[in-house]
């Protein structure tokens, strides 16, 4: 699990985090905090995600995006993608 902690540290830098002991269902809770020690967000990484490299990467990237939105640091191209998705598709009834 040291590689998991390193992966989370790399993904969430400079925000400190804690990783809980495994829950009864095998998942683990990741808690990210700000410099004052206040909780920014908590998310569960499910057992299936912990045991599959691709699922784990998806989970980490999802949490990372949530963190960036929360602290107001999103890359301009990512914001543009979100704005683009925001458009409603109009379908003709003809």
PDB file of N, CA and C in Angstrom:
ATOM      1  N   UNK A   1       0.806  -1.203   0.000  1.00  0.00           N
ATOM      2  CA  UNK A   1       0.000   0.000   0.000  1.00  0.00           C
ATOM      3  C   UNK A   1       0.847   1.264   0.000  1.00  0.00           C
ATOM      4  N   UNK A   2       2.149   1.139   0.185  1.00  0.00           N
ATOM      5  CA  UNK A   2       3.003   2.321   0.115  1.00  0.00           C
ATOM      6  C   UNK A   2       2.928   2.968  -1.260  1.00  0.00           C
ATOM      7  N   UNK A   3       2.793   2.135  -2.301  1.00  0.00           N
ATOM      8  CA  UNK A   3       2.675   2.702  -3.645  1.00  0.00           C
ATOM      9  C   UNK A   3       1.361   3.468  -3.792  1.00  0.00           C
ATOM     10  N   UNK A   4       0.312   3.018  -3.118  1.00  0.00           N
ATOM     11  CA  UNK A   4      -0.957   3.747  -3.137  1.00  0.00           C
ATOM     12  C   UNK A   4      -0.787   5.109  -2.480  1.00  0.00           C
ATOM     13  N   UNK A   5      -0.150   5.144  -1.341  1.00  0.00           N
ATOM     14  CA  UNK A   5       0.061   6.421  -0.645  1.00  0.00           C
ATOM     15  C   UNK A   5       0.906   7.366  -1.485  1.00  0.00           C
ATOM     16  N   UNK A   6       1.924   6.847  -2.144  1.00  0.00           N
ATOM     17  CA  UNK A   6       2.765   7.685  -2.995  1.00  0.00           C
ATOM     18  C   UNK A   6       1.971   8.216  -4.182  1.00  0.00           C
ATOM     19  N   UNK A   7       1.150   7.364  -4.767  1.00  0.00           N
ATOM     20  CA  UNK A   7       0.329   7.780  -5.901  1.00  0.00           C
ATOM     21  C   UNK A   7      -0.631   8.901  -5.496  1.00  0.00           C
ATOM     22  N   UNK A   8      -1.250   8.761  -4.327  1.00  0.00           N
ATOM     23  CA  UNK A   8      -2.163   9.793  -3.843  1.00  0.00           C
ATOM     24  C   UNK A   8      -1.412  11.079  -3.524  1.00  0.00           C
ATOM     25  N   UNK A   9      -0.241  10.961  -2.926  1.00  0.00           N
ATOM     26  CA  UNK A   9       0.565  12.142  -2.610  1.00  0.00           C
ATOM     27  C   UNK A   9       0.923  12.896  -3.886  1.00  0.00           C
ATOM     28  N   UNK A  10       1.305  12.166  -4.923  1.00  0.00           N
ATOM     29  CA  UNK A  10       1.648  12.797  -6.199  1.00  0.00           C
ATOM     30  C   UNK A  10       0.430  13.467  -6.837  1.00  0.00           C
ATOM     31  N   UNK A  11      -0.709  12.805  -6.770  1.00  0.00           N
ATOM     32  CA  UNK A  11      -1.918  13.319  -7.421  1.00  0.00           C
ATOM     33  C   UNK A  11      -2.484  14.545  -6.715  1.00  0.00           C
ATOM     34  N   UNK A  12      -2.387  14.581  -5.383  1.00  0.00           N
ATOM     35  CA  UNK A  12      -3.057  15.625  -4.623  1.00  0.00           C
ATOM     36  C   UNK A  12      -2.132  16.707  -4.089  1.00  0.00           C
ATOM     37  N   UNK A  13      -0.858  16.653  -4.423  1.00  0.00           N
ATOM     38  CA  UNK A  13       0.092  17.665  -3.950  1.00  0.00           C
ATOM     39  C   UNK A  13      -0.407  19.044  -4.348  1.00  0.00           C
ATOM     40  N   UNK A  14      -0.290  20.029  -3.513  1.00  0.00           N
ATOM     41  CA  UNK A  14       0.398  20.087  -2.226  1.00  0.00           C
ATOM     42  C   UNK A  14      -0.518  19.808  -1.035  1.00  0.00           C
ATOM     43  N   UNK A  15      -1.705  19.261  -1.271  1.00  0.00           N
ATOM     44  CA  UNK A  15      -2.668  19.045  -0.190  1.00  0.00           C
ATOM     45  C   UNK A  15      -2.359  17.764   0.577  1.00  0.00           C
ATOM     46  N   UNK A  16      -2.225  17.871   1.893  1.00  0.00           N
ATOM     47  CA  UNK A  16      -2.036  16.667   2.699  1.00  0.00           C
ATOM     48  C   UNK A  16      -3.312  15.824   2.681  1.00  0.00           C
ATOM     49  N   UNK A  17      -3.152  14.540   2.910  1.00  0.00           N
ATOM     50  CA  UNK A  17      -4.301  13.641   2.935  1.00  0.00           C
ATOM     51  C   UNK A  17      -4.078  12.557   3.979  1.00  0.00           C
ATOM     52  N   UNK A  18      -5.169  11.926   4.358  1.00  0.00           N
ATOM     53  CA  UNK A  18      -5.084  10.723   5.180  1.00  0.00           C
ATOM     54  C   UNK A  18      -5.804   9.617   4.431  1.00  0.00           C
ATOM     55  N   UNK A  19      -5.387   8.402   4.695  1.00  0.00           N
ATOM     56  CA  UNK A  19      -5.984   7.224   4.085  1.00  0.00           C
ATOM     57  C   UNK A  19      -6.390   6.297   5.218  1.00  0.00           C
ATOM     58  N   UNK A  20      -7.676   6.008   5.307  1.00  0.00           N
ATOM     59  CA  UNK A  20      -8.173   5.195   6.413  1.00  0.00           C
ATOM     60  C   UNK A  20      -7.717   3.746   6.288  1.00  0.00           C
ATOM     61  N   UNK A  21      -7.874   3.035   7.364  1.00  0.00           N
ATOM     62  CA  UNK A  21      -7.720   1.586   7.324  1.00  0.00           C
ATOM     63  C   UNK A  21      -8.861   1.033   6.470  1.00  0.00           C
ATOM     64  N   UNK A  22      -8.704  -0.168   5.933  1.00  0.00           N
ATOM     65  CA  UNK A  22      -9.796  -0.735   5.128  1.00  0.00           C
ATOM     66  C   UNK A  22     -11.100  -0.822   5.923  1.00  0.00           C
ATOM     67  N   UNK A  23     -12.181  -0.454   5.266  1.00  0.00           N
ATOM     68  CA  UNK A  23     -13.504  -0.576   5.855  1.00  0.00           C
ATOM     69  C   UNK A  23     -13.954  -2.032   5.742  1.00  0.00           C
ATOM     70  N   UNK A  24     -15.064  -2.397   6.378  1.00  0.00           N
ATOM     71  CA  UNK A  24     -15.550  -3.778   6.268  1.00  0.00           C
ATOM     72  C   UNK A  24     -15.782  -4.232   4.826  1.00  0.00           C
ATOM     73  N   UNK A  25     -16.141  -3.285   3.943  1.00  0.00           N
ATOM     74  CA  UNK A  25     -16.359  -3.641   2.540  1.00  0.00           C
ATOM     75  C   UNK A  25     -15.074  -3.626   1.719  1.00  0.00           C
ATOM     76  N   UNK A  26     -13.942  -3.319   2.352  1.00  0.00           N
ATOM     77  CA  UNK A  26     -12.654  -3.307   1.665  1.00  0.00           C
ATOM     78  C   UNK A  26     -12.254  -1.957   1.102  1.00  0.00           C
ATOM     79  N   UNK A  27     -13.173  -1.007   1.062  1.00  0.00           N
ATOM     80  CA  UNK A  27     -12.855   0.327   0.571  1.00  0.00           C
ATOM     81  C   UNK A  27     -12.047   1.104   1.598  1.00  0.00           C
ATOM     82  N   UNK A  28     -11.464   2.194   1.145  1.00  0.00           N
ATOM     83  CA  UNK A  28     -10.692   3.064   2.039  1.00  0.00           C
ATOM     84  C   UNK A  28     -11.122   4.500   1.813  1.00  0.00           C
ATOM     85  N   UNK A  29     -11.143   5.275   2.887  1.00  0.00           N
ATOM     86  CA  UNK A  29     -11.558   6.671   2.822  1.00  0.00           C
ATOM     87  C   UNK A  29     -10.325   7.555   2.679  1.00  0.00           C
ATOM     88  N   UNK A  30     -10.350   8.415   1.662  1.00  0.00           N
ATOM     89  CA  UNK A  30      -9.306   9.410   1.460  1.00  0.00           C
ATOM     90  C   UNK A  30      -9.863  10.740   1.947  1.00  0.00           C
ATOM     91  N   UNK A  31      -9.133  11.396   2.835  1.00  0.00           N
ATOM     92  CA  UNK A  31      -9.527  12.704   3.343  1.00  0.00           C
ATOM     93  C   UNK A  31      -8.449  13.702   2.969  1.00  0.00           C
ATOM     94  N   UNK A  32      -8.832  14.740   2.237  1.00  0.00           N
ATOM     95  CA  UNK A  32      -7.905  15.800   1.847  1.00  0.00           C
ATOM     96  C   UNK A  32      -8.163  17.007   2.724  1.00  0.00           C
ATOM     97  N   UNK A  33      -7.076  17.630   3.183  1.00  0.00           N
ATOM     98  CA  UNK A  33      -7.198  18.771   4.086  1.00  0.00           C
ATOM     99  C   UNK A  33      -6.460  19.979   3.526  1.00  0.00           C
ATOM    100  N   UNK A  34      -6.863  21.156   3.999  1.00  0.00           N
ATOM    101  CA  UNK A  34      -6.182  22.385   3.603  1.00  0.00           C
ATOM    102  C   UNK A  34      -5.018  22.639   4.568  1.00  0.00           C
ATOM    103  N   UNK A  35      -4.221  23.688   4.332  1.00  0.00           N
ATOM    104  CA  UNK A  35      -3.059  23.953   5.203  1.00  0.00           C
ATOM    105  C   UNK A  35      -3.416  24.169   6.676  1.00  0.00           C
ATOM    106  N   UNK A  36      -4.647  24.577   6.952  1.00  0.00           N
ATOM    107  CA  UNK A  36      -5.067  24.784   8.341  1.00  0.00           C
ATOM    108  C   UNK A  36      -5.582  23.496   8.980  1.00  0.00           C
ATOM    109  N   UNK A  37      -5.606  22.415   8.218  1.00  0.00           N
ATOM    110  CA  UNK A  37      -6.064  21.142   8.749  1.00  0.00           C
ATOM    111  C   UNK A  37      -7.556  20.905   8.622  1.00  0.00           C
ATOM    112  N   UNK A  38      -8.250  21.830   7.946  1.00  0.00           N
ATOM    113  CA  UNK A  38      -9.694  21.668   7.738  1.00  0.00           C
ATOM    114  C   UNK A  38      -9.937  20.694   6.588  1.00  0.00           C
ATOM    115  N   UNK A  39     -10.938  19.855   6.738  1.00  0.00           N
ATOM    116  CA  UNK A  39     -11.263  18.880   5.703  1.00  0.00           C
ATOM    117  C   UNK A  39     -11.792  19.580   4.457  1.00  0.00           C
ATOM    118  N   UNK A  40     -11.165  19.294   3.317  1.00  0.00           N
ATOM    119  CA  UNK A  40     -11.640  19.806   2.034  1.00  0.00           C
ATOM    120  C   UNK A  40     -12.667  18.857   1.431  1.00  0.00           C
ATOM    121  N   UNK A  41     -12.318  17.581   1.393  1.00  0.00           N
ATOM    122  CA  UNK A  41     -13.255  16.585   0.897  1.00  0.00           C
ATOM    123  C   UNK A  41     -12.850  15.199   1.355  1.00  0.00           C
ATOM    124  N   UNK A  42     -13.825  14.326   1.392  1.00  0.00           N
ATOM    125  CA  UNK A  42     -13.604  12.923   1.723  1.00  0.00           C
ATOM    126  C   UNK A  42     -14.262  12.090   0.639  1.00  0.00           C
ATOM    127  N   UNK A  43     -13.568  11.077   0.186  1.00  0.00           N
ATOM    128  CA  UNK A  43     -14.118  10.168  -0.815  1.00  0.00           C
ATOM    129  C   UNK A  43     -13.689   8.747  -0.473  1.00  0.00           C
ATOM    130  N   UNK A  44     -14.537   7.807  -0.849  1.00  0.00           N
ATOM    131  CA  UNK A  44     -14.226   6.394  -0.665  1.00  0.00           C
ATOM    132  C   UNK A  44     -13.651   5.860  -1.964  1.00  0.00           C
ATOM    133  N   UNK A  45     -12.555   5.153  -1.846  1.00  0.00           N
ATOM    134  CA  UNK A  45     -12.030   4.384  -2.971  1.00  0.00           C
ATOM    135  C   UNK A  45     -12.443   2.942  -2.690  1.00  0.00           C
ATOM    136  N   UNK A  46     -13.296   2.410  -3.546  1.00  0.00           N
ATOM    137  CA  UNK A  46     -13.863   1.078  -3.347  1.00  0.00           C
ATOM    138  C   UNK A  46     -12.806  -0.010  -3.513  1.00  0.00           C
ATOM    139  N   UNK A  47     -13.089  -1.160  -2.934  1.00  0.00           N
ATOM    140  CA  UNK A  47     -12.166  -2.294  -3.009  1.00  0.00           C
ATOM    141  C   UNK A  47     -11.855  -2.656  -4.462  1.00  0.00           C
ATOM    142  N   UNK A  48     -12.879  -2.668  -5.312  1.00  0.00           N
ATOM    143  CA  UNK A  48     -12.663  -3.008  -6.718  1.00  0.00           C
ATOM    144  C   UNK A  48     -11.715  -2.005  -7.376  1.00  0.00           C
ATOM    145  N   UNK A  49     -11.795  -0.737  -6.984  1.00  0.00           N
ATOM    146  CA  UNK A  49     -10.903   0.280  -7.535  1.00  0.00           C
ATOM    147  C   UNK A  49      -9.481   0.084  -7.022  1.00  0.00           C
ATOM    148  N   UNK A  50      -9.358  -0.310  -5.770  1.00  0.00           N
ATOM    149  CA  UNK A  50      -8.030  -0.540  -5.199  1.00  0.00           C
ATOM    150  C   UNK A  50      -7.331  -1.732  -5.840  1.00  0.00           C
ATOM    151  N   UNK A  51      -8.113  -2.674  -6.343  1.00  0.00           N
ATOM    152  CA  UNK A  51      -7.551  -3.910  -6.890  1.00  0.00           C
ATOM    153  C   UNK A  51      -7.376  -3.899  -8.399  1.00  0.00           C
ATOM    154  N   UNK A  52      -7.758  -2.826  -9.057  1.00  0.00           N
ATOM    155  CA  UNK A  52      -7.630  -2.738 -10.513  1.00  0.00           C
ATOM    156  C   UNK A  52      -6.967  -1.412 -10.870  1.00  0.00           C
ATOM    157  N   UNK A  53      -5.862  -1.491 -11.550  1.00  0.00           N
ATOM    158  CA  UNK A  53      -5.065  -0.304 -11.877  1.00  0.00           C
ATOM    159  C   UNK A  53      -5.862   0.752 -12.642  1.00  0.00           C
ATOM    160  N   UNK A  54      -6.661   0.326 -13.611  1.00  0.00           N
ATOM    161  CA  UNK A  54      -7.435   1.286 -14.410  1.00  0.00           C
ATOM    162  C   UNK A  54      -8.528   1.955 -13.586  1.00  0.00           C
ATOM    163  N   UNK A  55      -9.232   1.165 -12.778  1.00  0.00           N
ATOM    164  CA  UNK A  55     -10.268   1.739 -11.917  1.00  0.00           C
ATOM    165  C   UNK A  55      -9.664   2.691 -10.896  1.00  0.00           C
ATOM    166  N   UNK A  56      -8.514   2.317 -10.369  1.00  0.00           N
ATOM    167  CA  UNK A  56      -7.854   3.181  -9.391  1.00  0.00           C
ATOM    168  C   UNK A  56      -7.462   4.507 -10.030  1.00  0.00           C
ATOM    169  N   UNK A  57      -6.916   4.450 -11.226  1.00  0.00           N
ATOM    170  CA  UNK A  57      -6.535   5.683 -11.925  1.00  0.00           C
ATOM    171  C   UNK A  57      -7.752   6.570 -12.157  1.00  0.00           C
ATOM    172  N   UNK A  58      -8.862   5.978 -12.571  1.00  0.00           N
ATOM    173  CA  UNK A  58     -10.091   6.754 -12.764  1.00  0.00           C
ATOM    174  C   UNK A  58     -10.543   7.406 -11.463  1.00  0.00           C
ATOM    175  N   UNK A  59     -10.506   6.650 -10.370  1.00  0.00           N
ATOM    176  CA  UNK A  59     -10.932   7.183  -9.071  1.00  0.00           C
ATOM    177  C   UNK A  59     -10.041   8.341  -8.640  1.00  0.00           C
ATOM    178  N   UNK A  60      -8.736   8.177  -8.781  1.00  0.00           N
ATOM    179  CA  UNK A  60      -7.795   9.225  -8.385  1.00  0.00           C
ATOM    180  C   UNK A  60      -8.003  10.475  -9.237  1.00  0.00           C
ATOM    181  N   UNK A  61      -8.184  10.307 -10.533  1.00  0.00           N
ATOM    182  CA  UNK A  61      -8.380  11.464 -11.409  1.00  0.00           C
ATOM    183  C   UNK A  61      -9.706  12.170 -11.110  1.00  0.00           C
ATOM    184  N   UNK A  62     -10.738  11.413 -10.778  1.00  0.00           N
ATOM    185  CA  UNK A  62     -12.023  12.018 -10.416  1.00  0.00           C
ATOM    186  C   UNK A  62     -11.879  12.854  -9.152  1.00  0.00           C
ATOM    187  N   UNK A  63     -11.220  12.303  -8.149  1.00  0.00           N
ATOM    188  CA  UNK A  63     -11.007  13.040  -6.901  1.00  0.00           C
ATOM    189  C   UNK A  63     -10.143  14.266  -7.163  1.00  0.00           C
ATOM    190  N   UNK A  64      -9.139  14.109  -7.989  1.00  0.00           N
ATOM    191  CA  UNK A  64      -8.240  15.229  -8.315  1.00  0.00           C
ATOM    192  C   UNK A  64      -9.004  16.376  -8.982  1.00  0.00           C
ATOM    193  N   UNK A  65      -9.891  16.029  -9.926  1.00  0.00           N
ATOM    194  CA  UNK A  65     -10.704  17.066 -10.583  1.00  0.00           C
ATOM    195  C   UNK A  65     -11.619  17.757  -9.577  1.00  0.00           C
ATOM    196  N   UNK A  66     -12.241  16.973  -8.707  1.00  0.00           N
ATOM    197  CA  UNK A  66     -13.106  17.572  -7.683  1.00  0.00           C
ATOM    198  C   UNK A  66     -12.313  18.533  -6.805  1.00  0.00           C
ATOM    199  N   UNK A  67     -11.108  18.141  -6.445  1.00  0.00           N
ATOM    200  CA  UNK A  67     -10.254  18.995  -5.623  1.00  0.00           C
ATOM    201  C   UNK A  67      -9.909  20.280  -6.359  1.00  0.00           C
ATOM    202  N   UNK A  68      -9.555  20.175  -7.626  1.00  0.00           N
ATOM    203  CA  UNK A  68      -9.207  21.361  -8.400  1.00  0.00           C
ATOM    204  C   UNK A  68     -10.388  22.311  -8.525  1.00  0.00           C
ATOM    205  N   UNK A  69     -11.570  21.766  -8.727  1.00  0.00           N
ATOM    206  CA  UNK A  69     -12.760  22.613  -8.795  1.00  0.00           C
ATOM    207  C   UNK A  69     -12.982  23.281  -7.447  1.00  0.00           C
ATOM    208  N   UNK A  70     -12.847  22.512  -6.386  1.00  0.00           N
ATOM    209  CA  UNK A  70     -13.083  23.021  -5.040  1.00  0.00           C
ATOM    210  C   UNK A  70     -12.152  24.171  -4.681  1.00  0.00           C
ATOM    211  N   UNK A  71     -10.887  24.057  -5.056  1.00  0.00           N
ATOM    212  CA  UNK A  71      -9.924  25.100  -4.703  1.00  0.00           C
ATOM    213  C   UNK A  71      -9.750  26.133  -5.818  1.00  0.00           C
ATOM    214  N   UNK A  72     -10.528  25.980  -6.904  1.00  0.00           N
ATOM    215  CA  UNK A  72     -10.531  26.985  -7.959  1.00  0.00           C
ATOM    216  C   UNK A  72      -9.347  26.941  -8.895  1.00  0.00           C
ATOM    217  N   UNK A  73      -8.767  25.763  -9.093  1.00  0.00           N
ATOM    218  CA  UNK A  73      -7.616  25.647  -9.996  1.00  0.00           C
ATOM    219  C   UNK A  73      -7.890  24.597 -11.061  1.00  0.00           C
ATOM    220  N   UNK A  74      -8.470  25.031 -12.143  1.00  0.00           N
ATOM    221  CA  UNK A  74      -8.697  24.131 -13.267  1.00  0.00           C
ATOM    222  C   UNK A  74      -7.974  24.711 -14.470  1.00  0.00           C
ATOM    223  N   UNK A  75      -7.401  23.841 -15.256  1.00  0.00           N
ATOM    224  CA  UNK A  75      -6.746  24.275 -16.483  1.00  0.00           C
ATOM    225  C   UNK A  75      -7.806  24.824 -17.436  1.00  0.00           C
ATOM    226  N   UNK A  76      -7.430  25.804 -18.223  1.00  0.00           N
ATOM    227  CA  UNK A  76      -8.374  26.462 -19.123  1.00  0.00           C
ATOM    228  C   UNK A  76      -8.984  25.481 -20.118  1.00  0.00           C
ATOM    229  N   UNK A  77      -8.209  24.518 -20.611  1.00  0.00           N
ATOM    230  CA  UNK A  77      -8.756  23.563 -21.571  1.00  0.00           C
ATOM    231  C   UNK A  77      -9.796  22.648 -20.924  1.00  0.00           C
ATOM    232  N   UNK A  78      -9.617  22.327 -19.656  1.00  0.00           N
ATOM    233  CA  UNK A  78     -10.594  21.505 -18.943  1.00  0.00           C
ATOM    234  C   UNK A  78     -11.883  22.294 -18.752  1.00  0.00           C
ATOM    235  N   UNK A  79     -11.753  23.551 -18.363  1.00  0.00           N
ATOM    236  CA  UNK A  79     -12.939  24.398 -18.215  1.00  0.00           C
ATOM    237  C   UNK A  79     -13.677  24.541 -19.542  1.00  0.00           C
ATOM    238  N   UNK A  80     -12.933  24.682 -20.623  1.00  0.00           N
ATOM    239  CA  UNK A  80     -13.554  24.799 -21.943  1.00  0.00           C
ATOM    240  C   UNK A  80     -14.331  23.529 -22.285  1.00  0.00           C
ATOM    241  N   UNK A  81     -13.789  22.390 -21.936  1.00  0.00           N
ATOM    242  CA  UNK A  81     -14.479  21.122 -22.173  1.00  0.00           C
ATOM    243  C   UNK A  81     -15.775  21.062 -21.388  1.00  0.00           C
ATOM    244  N   UNK A  82     -15.734  21.476 -20.126  1.00  0.00           N
ATOM    245  CA  UNK A  82     -16.954  21.499 -19.321  1.00  0.00           C
ATOM    246  C   UNK A  82     -17.987  22.445 -19.917  1.00  0.00           C
ATOM    247  N   UNK A  83     -17.541  23.601 -20.380  1.00  0.00           N
ATOM    248  CA  UNK A  83     -18.472  24.564 -20.981  1.00  0.00           C
ATOM    249  C   UNK A  83     -19.092  23.989 -22.252  1.00  0.00           C
ATOM    250  N   UNK A  84     -18.273  23.299 -23.032  1.00  0.00           N
ATOM    251  CA  UNK A  84     -18.744  22.698 -24.271  1.00  0.00           C
ATOM    252  C   UNK A  84     -19.808  21.640 -23.986  1.00  0.00           C
ATOM    253  N   UNK A  85     -19.608  20.859 -22.953  1.00  0.00           N
ATOM    254  CA  UNK A  85     -20.577  19.831 -22.573  1.00  0.00           C
ATOM    255  C   UNK A  85     -21.880  20.440 -22.072  1.00  0.00           C
ATOM    256  N   UNK A  86     -21.813  21.674 -21.660  1.00  0.00           N
ATOM    257  CA  UNK A  86     -22.965  22.333 -21.065  1.00  0.00           C
ATOM    258  C   UNK A  86     -24.025  22.698 -22.096  1.00  0.00           C
ATOM    259  N   UNK A  87     -23.670  22.678 -23.368  1.00  0.00           N
ATOM    260  CA  UNK A  87     -24.626  23.032 -24.411  1.00  0.00           C
ATOM    261  C   UNK A  87     -25.683  21.946 -24.543  1.00  0.00           C
ATOM    262  N   UNK A  88     -26.907  22.379 -24.710  1.00  0.00           N
ATOM    263  CA  UNK A  88     -28.020  21.453 -24.873  1.00  0.00           C
ATOM    264  C   UNK A  88     -28.139  21.086 -26.340  1.00  0.00           C
ATOM    265  N   UNK A  89     -28.268  19.805 -26.600  1.00  0.00           N
ATOM    266  CA  UNK A  89     -28.470  19.361 -27.972  1.00  0.00           C
ATOM    267  C   UNK A  89     -29.932  19.551 -28.345  1.00  0.00           C
ATOM    268  N   UNK A  90     -30.145  20.197 -29.464  1.00  0.00           N
ATOM    269  CA  UNK A  90     -31.506  20.417 -29.942  1.00  0.00           C
ATOM    270  C   UNK A  90     -31.799  19.419 -31.049  1.00  0.00           C
ATOM    271  N   UNK A  91     -32.918  18.746 -30.920  1.00  0.00           N
ATOM    272  CA  UNK A  91     -33.317  17.774 -31.927  1.00  0.00           C
ATOM    273  C   UNK A  91     -34.554  18.292 -32.635  1.00  0.00           C
ATOM    274  N   UNK A  92     -34.524  18.206 -33.933  1.00  0.00           N
ATOM    275  CA  UNK A  92     -35.659  18.664 -34.724  1.00  0.00           C
ATOM    276  C   UNK A  92     -36.779  17.635 -34.638  1.00  0.00           C
ATOM    277  N   UNK A  93     -37.996  18.102 -34.605  1.00  0.00           N
ATOM    278  CA  UNK A  93     -39.143  17.191 -34.548  1.00  0.00           C
ATOM    279  C   UNK A  93     -39.671  16.872 -35.942  1.00  0.00           C
ATOM    280  N   UNK A  94     -38.942  17.279 -36.960  1.00  0.00           N
ATOM    281  CA  UNK A  94     -39.383  17.034 -38.341  1.00  0.00           C
ATOM    282  C   UNK A  94     -39.092  15.652 -38.782  1.00  0.00           C
TER     283      UNK A  94
END
